[in-house]
N, C-alpha and C. Protein backbone atom coordinates (compact mmCIF):
# COMPACT_ATOMS: atom_id res chain seq x y z
N MET A 1 0.62 -1.13 -0.01
CA MET A 1 -0.29 -0.54 0.05
C MET A 1 0.76 1.44 0.01
N ASN A 2 0.73 2.57 -0.71
CA ASN A 2 1.12 3.43 -0.90
C ASN A 2 0.62 4.39 0.43
N HIS A 3 2.03 4.78 1.06
CA HIS A 3 1.44 5.91 2.16
C HIS A 3 1.40 6.88 1.35
N ILE A 4 0.96 7.90 1.67
CA ILE A 4 1.16 9.67 0.97
C ILE A 4 2.18 10.08 2.28
N PHE A 5 2.09 9.76 3.15
CA PHE A 5 2.38 10.84 4.17
C PHE A 5 3.98 10.33 4.64
N GLY A 6 4.32 8.75 3.90
CA GLY A 6 5.40 8.09 4.53
C GLY A 6 5.76 8.10 5.68
N ASN A 7 6.82 7.32 6.00
CA ASN A 7 6.97 6.55 7.02
C ASN A 7 6.30 7.42 8.81
N GLY A 8 6.95 8.37 8.52
CA GLY A 8 7.10 9.89 9.89
C GLY A 8 6.01 9.33 10.47
N ILE A 9 5.32 9.72 9.61
CA ILE A 9 3.49 9.93 10.38
C ILE A 9 3.45 8.79 10.39
N LEU A 10 3.05 7.97 10.28
CA LEU A 10 3.21 5.85 10.20
C LEU A 10 3.56 5.66 11.52
N VAL A 11 5.06 6.04 11.84
CA VAL A 11 5.89 5.94 13.27
C VAL A 11 5.18 6.41 14.59
N SER A 12 4.88 7.98 14.01
CA SER A 12 4.37 8.67 15.09
C SER A 12 2.93 8.06 15.60
N GLU A 13 1.79 7.71 14.37
CA GLU A 13 0.93 7.22 14.63
C GLU A 13 0.95 6.31 15.48
N ARG A 14 1.18 4.86 15.62
CA ARG A 14 1.84 3.83 16.30
C ARG A 14 2.39 4.15 17.91
N SER A 15 3.27 4.84 17.97
CA SER A 15 3.21 5.49 19.00
C SER A 15 2.46 6.15 19.68
N LEU A 16 1.49 7.08 18.94
CA LEU A 16 0.28 7.76 19.78
C LEU A 16 -0.60 6.30 20.73
N ASP A 17 -0.73 5.64 19.48
CA ASP A 17 -1.45 4.72 19.92
C ASP A 17 -1.16 4.22 20.90
N PHE A 18 -0.05 4.16 21.37
CA PHE A 18 1.18 3.28 22.57
C PHE A 18 0.60 4.23 23.61
N LEU A 19 0.89 5.17 23.32
CA LEU A 19 0.96 6.25 24.36
C LEU A 19 -0.37 6.56 25.12
N TRP A 20 -1.69 6.27 24.12
CA TRP A 20 -3.08 6.59 24.23
C TRP A 20 -3.18 5.22 25.74
N LYS A 21 -2.88 4.00 25.15
CA LYS A 21 -3.15 2.63 25.65
C LYS A 21 -1.98 2.71 27.07
N LYS A 22 -1.03 3.34 27.33
CA LYS A 22 -0.37 3.42 28.53
C LYS A 22 -1.22 4.48 28.98
N GLN A 23 -1.37 5.77 28.61
CA GLN A 23 -2.27 6.44 29.44
C GLN A 23 -3.46 6.08 30.40
N SER A 24 -4.50 5.11 29.58
CA SER A 24 -5.11 4.54 29.69
C SER A 24 -5.19 3.66 30.94
N VAL A 25 -4.39 2.71 30.86
CA VAL A 25 -3.81 1.92 31.79
C VAL A 25 -3.24 2.12 32.88
N THR A 26 -2.18 3.05 33.14
CA THR A 26 -1.61 4.16 34.48
C THR A 26 -3.10 4.88 34.97
N ALA A 27 -4.29 5.44 34.00
CA ALA A 27 -5.51 5.92 34.81
C ALA A 27 -5.62 4.50 35.51
N GLY A 28 -6.12 3.50 34.41
CA GLY A 28 -6.54 2.32 35.71
C GLY A 28 -6.41 1.66 37.04
N ASN A 29 -4.61 1.99 36.88
CA ASN A 29 -3.57 1.88 37.73
C ASN A 29 -4.59 3.19 39.48
N LEU A 30 -4.05 3.82 38.69
CA LEU A 30 -4.33 5.12 39.99
C LEU A 30 -6.01 4.97 40.10
N ALA A 31 -6.98 4.33 39.13
CA ALA A 31 -8.01 4.44 39.79
C ALA A 31 -8.61 3.35 40.96
N ASN A 32 -7.41 2.23 40.78
CA ASN A 32 -7.82 0.66 41.65
C ASN A 32 -6.21 1.35 43.09
N VAL A 33 -6.17 2.40 42.93
CA VAL A 33 -4.63 1.80 43.96
C VAL A 33 -5.46 1.36 45.77
N ASP A 34 -6.98 2.04 45.82
CA ASP A 34 -7.48 1.44 47.21
C ASP A 34 -8.33 0.18 47.10
N THR A 35 -7.82 -0.53 46.05
CA THR A 35 -8.30 -1.86 45.80
C THR A 35 -7.78 -2.62 46.32
N PRO A 36 -8.87 -3.93 46.73
CA PRO A 36 -7.23 -4.97 47.68
C PRO A 36 -7.24 -5.90 47.26
N GLY A 37 -5.94 -6.49 46.35
CA GLY A 37 -5.43 -7.45 45.81
C GLY A 37 -4.72 -7.57 44.87
N TYR A 38 -5.33 -5.54 44.44
CA TYR A 38 -5.41 -5.23 42.46
C TYR A 38 -3.28 -5.13 42.62
N LYS A 39 -3.31 -5.55 41.75
CA LYS A 39 -2.05 -5.85 41.00
C LYS A 39 -1.87 -4.66 39.33
N ALA A 40 -1.07 -3.57 39.84
CA ALA A 40 -0.66 -2.78 38.71
C ALA A 40 -0.18 -3.60 37.95
N LYS A 41 -0.71 -3.00 36.51
CA LYS A 41 -0.73 -3.04 35.05
C LYS A 41 0.53 -2.22 34.21
N TYR A 42 1.14 -2.71 33.33
CA TYR A 42 1.90 -2.13 32.12
C TYR A 42 2.07 -2.59 31.25
N VAL A 43 2.42 -1.95 29.99
CA VAL A 43 2.19 -1.82 28.98
C VAL A 43 3.40 -1.42 28.47
N THR A 44 4.10 -2.95 27.71
CA THR A 44 5.43 -3.03 27.34
C THR A 44 4.95 -2.90 25.41
N PHE A 45 6.30 -1.90 24.90
CA PHE A 45 6.07 -1.38 23.54
C PHE A 45 7.16 -1.04 23.29
N GLU A 46 7.63 -0.23 23.81
CA GLU A 46 8.84 0.34 22.78
C GLU A 46 9.88 -0.43 23.24
N ASP A 47 10.36 -1.18 24.05
CA ASP A 47 12.39 -2.43 23.52
C ASP A 47 11.86 -3.13 22.28
N MET A 48 10.00 -3.16 22.53
CA MET A 48 10.07 -4.24 20.71
C MET A 48 9.70 -3.47 19.69
N TYR A 49 9.15 -2.40 19.65
CA TYR A 49 8.91 -1.42 18.90
C TYR A 49 10.45 -0.82 18.07
N ARG A 50 10.99 -0.91 19.38
CA ARG A 50 12.74 0.27 18.68
C ARG A 50 13.16 -1.16 18.05
N ALA A 51 13.16 -1.80 18.77
CA ALA A 51 14.09 -3.52 18.31
C ALA A 51 13.86 -3.71 16.91
N LYS A 52 12.73 -3.33 16.06
CA LYS A 52 11.96 -3.64 14.97
C LYS A 52 12.23 -2.30 14.23
N LEU A 53 12.24 -1.36 14.80
CA LEU A 53 12.63 0.36 13.48
C LEU A 53 14.42 -0.17 13.68
N GLU A 54 15.05 -0.34 14.26
CA GLU A 54 16.86 -0.99 14.18
C GLU A 54 16.80 -1.51 12.74
N GLY A 55 16.00 -2.62 13.57
CA GLY A 55 16.21 -3.87 12.45
C GLY A 55 15.80 -3.50 10.81
N ALA A 56 15.13 -2.46 10.71
CA ALA A 56 14.63 -2.17 9.58
C ALA A 56 15.30 -0.73 8.53
N SER A 57 16.40 -0.47 9.50
CA SER A 57 17.24 1.14 9.48
C SER A 57 17.32 1.01 8.18
N GLY A 58 17.35 1.83 7.54
CA GLY A 58 17.29 2.60 6.01
C GLY A 58 16.35 1.57 4.71
N ASP A 59 15.79 0.71 5.54
CA ASP A 59 14.84 0.26 4.27
C ASP A 59 13.22 0.66 4.23
N LYS A 60 12.58 1.81 3.42
CA LYS A 60 11.18 1.80 4.19
C LYS A 60 10.41 0.96 3.71
N GLU A 61 10.59 0.02 2.95
CA GLU A 61 9.50 -0.39 2.98
C GLU A 61 9.20 -2.04 4.11
N ARG A 62 10.32 -1.85 4.91
CA ARG A 62 10.67 -2.48 5.99
C ARG A 62 10.00 -1.74 7.13
N ILE A 63 10.51 -0.95 7.59
CA ILE A 63 10.16 -0.04 8.34
C ILE A 63 8.28 0.26 8.30
N ARG A 64 7.90 0.65 7.15
CA ARG A 64 6.74 0.67 7.29
C ARG A 64 6.01 -0.42 7.86
N GLN A 65 6.89 -2.05 7.75
CA GLN A 65 6.13 -3.53 7.87
C GLN A 65 6.60 -3.50 9.26
N ALA A 66 7.74 -2.94 10.24
CA ALA A 66 7.67 -2.89 11.53
C ALA A 66 6.48 -1.91 11.96
N ALA A 67 6.31 -1.30 11.65
CA ALA A 67 4.98 0.23 12.23
C ALA A 67 3.51 -0.66 12.03
N ASP A 68 3.85 -1.70 10.56
CA ASP A 68 2.32 -1.65 11.07
C ASP A 68 2.07 -2.73 11.67
N SER A 69 3.16 -4.01 12.11
CA SER A 69 3.20 -4.85 13.07
C SER A 69 2.78 -4.73 14.35
N ALA A 70 3.52 -3.27 14.62
CA ALA A 70 3.72 -3.01 15.65
C ALA A 70 2.31 -2.95 16.97
N MET A 71 2.78 -4.07 18.23
CA MET A 71 1.49 -4.34 19.27
C MET A 71 1.87 -4.17 20.24
N TRP A 72 1.04 -3.38 21.06
CA TRP A 72 1.49 -3.22 22.82
C TRP A 72 1.05 -4.45 23.82
N LEU A 73 1.56 -4.89 24.57
CA LEU A 73 0.54 -5.85 25.35
C LEU A 73 0.84 -4.69 26.85
N VAL A 74 -0.43 -5.64 27.51
CA VAL A 74 -0.37 -4.87 28.92
C VAL A 74 -0.38 -6.26 29.94
N GLU A 75 0.36 -5.95 30.76
CA GLU A 75 0.88 -7.05 31.39
C GLU A 75 0.65 -6.34 32.91
N GLU A 76 0.51 -7.49 33.52
CA GLU A 76 0.21 -7.32 35.30
C GLU A 76 1.49 -7.47 36.27
N SER A 77 2.63 -6.10 36.52
CA SER A 77 3.39 -6.27 37.85
C SER A 77 3.51 -7.21 38.94
N ASP A 78 4.21 -8.12 38.65
CA ASP A 78 4.26 -8.89 39.81
C ASP A 78 5.50 -8.45 41.04
N THR A 79 5.56 -6.37 41.49
CA THR A 79 6.51 -5.93 42.06
C THR A 79 6.39 -6.17 43.80
N GLU A 80 6.66 -7.18 44.69
CA GLU A 80 6.16 -7.18 45.82
C GLU A 80 5.50 -5.90 46.41
N THR A 81 5.09 -6.57 47.49
CA THR A 81 4.34 -4.74 47.89
C THR A 81 4.60 -4.92 50.09
N ALA A 82 4.53 -3.64 49.95
CA ALA A 82 4.92 -3.96 51.65
C ALA A 82 2.96 -3.48 52.45
N ARG A 83 2.03 -3.37 51.46
CA ARG A 83 0.63 -3.33 51.92
C ARG A 83 -0.09 -4.78 52.20
N MET A 84 -0.65 -4.47 53.14
CA MET A 84 -1.68 -6.08 54.05
C MET A 84 -2.45 -6.02 52.98
N ASP A 85 -3.15 -5.55 52.12
CA ASP A 85 -4.44 -6.19 51.52
C ASP A 85 -3.83 -7.14 49.98
N GLY A 86 -2.72 -6.55 49.79
CA GLY A 86 -1.95 -7.09 48.66
C GLY A 86 -1.49 -6.30 47.35
N ASN A 87 -2.68 -5.34 47.55
CA ASN A 87 -1.96 -4.15 46.27
C ASN A 87 -0.83 -3.47 46.11
N ASN A 88 -0.73 -3.38 44.71
CA ASN A 88 1.00 -3.09 45.20
C ASN A 88 1.19 -1.79 43.66
N VAL A 89 0.19 -1.39 43.54
CA VAL A 89 0.03 0.87 43.15
C VAL A 89 0.84 1.32 44.25
N VAL A 90 1.72 1.60 43.59
CA VAL A 90 2.56 2.83 43.99
C VAL A 90 2.14 4.45 43.06
N ALA A 91 1.00 5.43 44.04
CA ALA A 91 0.57 6.13 43.57
C ALA A 91 1.72 6.98 42.53
N ASP A 92 2.23 7.36 43.95
CA ASP A 92 2.71 9.10 43.15
C ASP A 92 4.11 7.77 42.05
N ALA A 93 4.65 6.78 41.90
CA ALA A 93 5.06 6.20 40.43
C ALA A 93 4.47 6.40 39.47
N GLU A 94 3.01 6.29 39.57
CA GLU A 94 1.65 5.41 38.65
C GLU A 94 1.57 6.98 37.98
N MET A 95 1.15 8.32 38.80
CA MET A 95 1.39 9.46 38.44
C MET A 95 2.17 10.11 37.79
N THR A 96 3.87 9.74 37.85
CA THR A 96 4.74 10.17 37.52
C THR A 96 5.04 9.64 35.63
N GLU A 97 4.48 8.29 35.65
CA GLU A 97 4.69 7.95 34.30
C GLU A 97 3.11 8.38 33.91
N LEU A 98 2.22 8.42 34.32
CA LEU A 98 0.82 9.48 33.61
C LEU A 98 1.55 10.38 32.96
N THR A 99 2.26 11.67 33.80
CA THR A 99 2.60 12.50 33.36
C THR A 99 3.67 12.88 32.14
N ARG A 100 4.23 11.59 32.31
CA ARG A 100 5.51 11.20 30.99
C ARG A 100 4.51 10.73 30.19
N ALA A 101 4.05 10.54 30.04
CA ALA A 101 3.44 10.16 28.81
C ALA A 101 2.24 10.64 27.91
N ALA A 102 1.98 11.63 29.12
CA ALA A 102 1.53 13.00 28.37
C ALA A 102 1.57 13.21 27.63
N LEU A 103 3.06 14.11 28.01
CA LEU A 103 3.99 14.99 27.45
C LEU A 103 4.97 13.94 26.39
N GLN A 104 5.09 13.10 26.18
CA GLN A 104 5.32 11.93 25.59
C GLN A 104 4.12 12.22 24.20
N TYR A 105 3.06 12.28 24.65
CA TYR A 105 2.11 11.91 23.14
C TYR A 105 2.37 13.67 22.96
N GLN A 106 2.10 15.11 23.87
CA GLN A 106 1.81 16.20 23.30
C GLN A 106 2.82 16.04 22.19
N TYR A 107 4.24 15.96 22.75
CA TYR A 107 5.31 15.46 21.73
C TYR A 107 5.18 15.11 20.33
N ALA A 108 4.86 14.00 20.38
CA ALA A 108 4.35 13.25 19.20
C ALA A 108 3.21 14.03 18.01
N ILE A 109 2.51 14.90 18.62
CA ILE A 109 1.15 15.36 18.12
C ILE A 109 2.15 16.51 17.40
N GLN A 110 3.19 16.99 18.27
CA GLN A 110 3.63 18.15 17.56
C GLN A 110 4.54 17.28 16.36
N SER A 111 4.83 15.96 16.79
CA SER A 111 5.91 15.74 14.91
C SER A 111 4.92 15.87 13.97
N VAL A 112 4.17 15.29 14.68
CA VAL A 112 2.84 14.56 13.58
C VAL A 112 2.55 15.57 12.77
N ASN A 113 2.41 16.99 13.55
CA ASN A 113 1.66 18.32 13.06
C ASN A 113 2.60 19.17 11.99
N GLY A 114 4.35 18.92 12.20
CA GLY A 114 5.29 19.82 12.00
C GLY A 114 5.36 18.73 10.47
N GLU A 115 4.99 17.68 9.97
CA GLU A 115 5.69 16.84 9.15
C GLU A 115 3.90 17.52 8.30
N ILE A 116 2.88 17.36 8.66
CA ILE A 116 1.96 17.87 7.85
C ILE A 116 2.25 19.27 7.86
N SER A 117 2.71 19.78 8.42
CA SER A 117 3.31 21.47 7.60
C SER A 117 4.19 21.52 6.64
N ARG A 118 5.13 20.43 6.57
CA ARG A 118 6.14 20.79 6.17
C ARG A 118 5.57 20.13 4.69
N LEU A 119 4.88 19.14 4.59
CA LEU A 119 3.95 18.58 3.85
C LEU A 119 3.09 19.82 3.06
N ALA A 120 2.42 20.37 3.22
CA ALA A 120 1.87 21.34 3.35
C ALA A 120 2.38 22.66 2.48
N THR A 121 3.53 22.61 2.96
CA THR A 121 4.66 23.87 2.50
C THR A 121 5.30 23.46 0.68
N VAL A 122 5.71 21.91 0.63
CA VAL A 122 5.43 21.58 -0.11
C VAL A 122 4.69 21.82 -1.83
N ILE A 123 3.94 21.28 -0.74
CA ILE A 123 2.42 20.97 -1.76
C ILE A 123 2.18 22.56 -2.69
N LYS A 124 2.66 23.24 -1.77
CA LYS A 124 1.77 24.91 -1.98
C LYS A 124 3.05 25.57 -2.95
N GLY A 125 4.56 24.59 -2.61
CA GLY A 125 5.53 24.93 -3.83
C GLY A 125 6.28 26.43 -2.80
N GLN A 126 5.62 26.98 -1.52
CA GLN A 126 6.79 27.68 -0.85
C GLN A 126 7.81 27.63 -0.40
């Protein structure tokens, strides 16, 4: 399939999908901070995605395939807890992750907007 916007926007799109899911899972952890026995969840994506993209380095079609096949996994944390109720959510850590994911999301949106602006400039011939 011919992607008119190239790989930049496709890679950013996958990153945005991941960051959205990460924020959703982190918000769920915070919502369950007082639920007895609740185990924090986390999303894995970055390491696998980075490895796929590095493996496809320089080849536009392989980069596109790596981005198209990228998936995230929601996993349950197995960290120990000092709480008597068995809940292992650390609210401060979750808030930090939520803030970081929100900032990364904003940066990725700016990246997509910049790419679209560059394409608009090329189309206008300015």
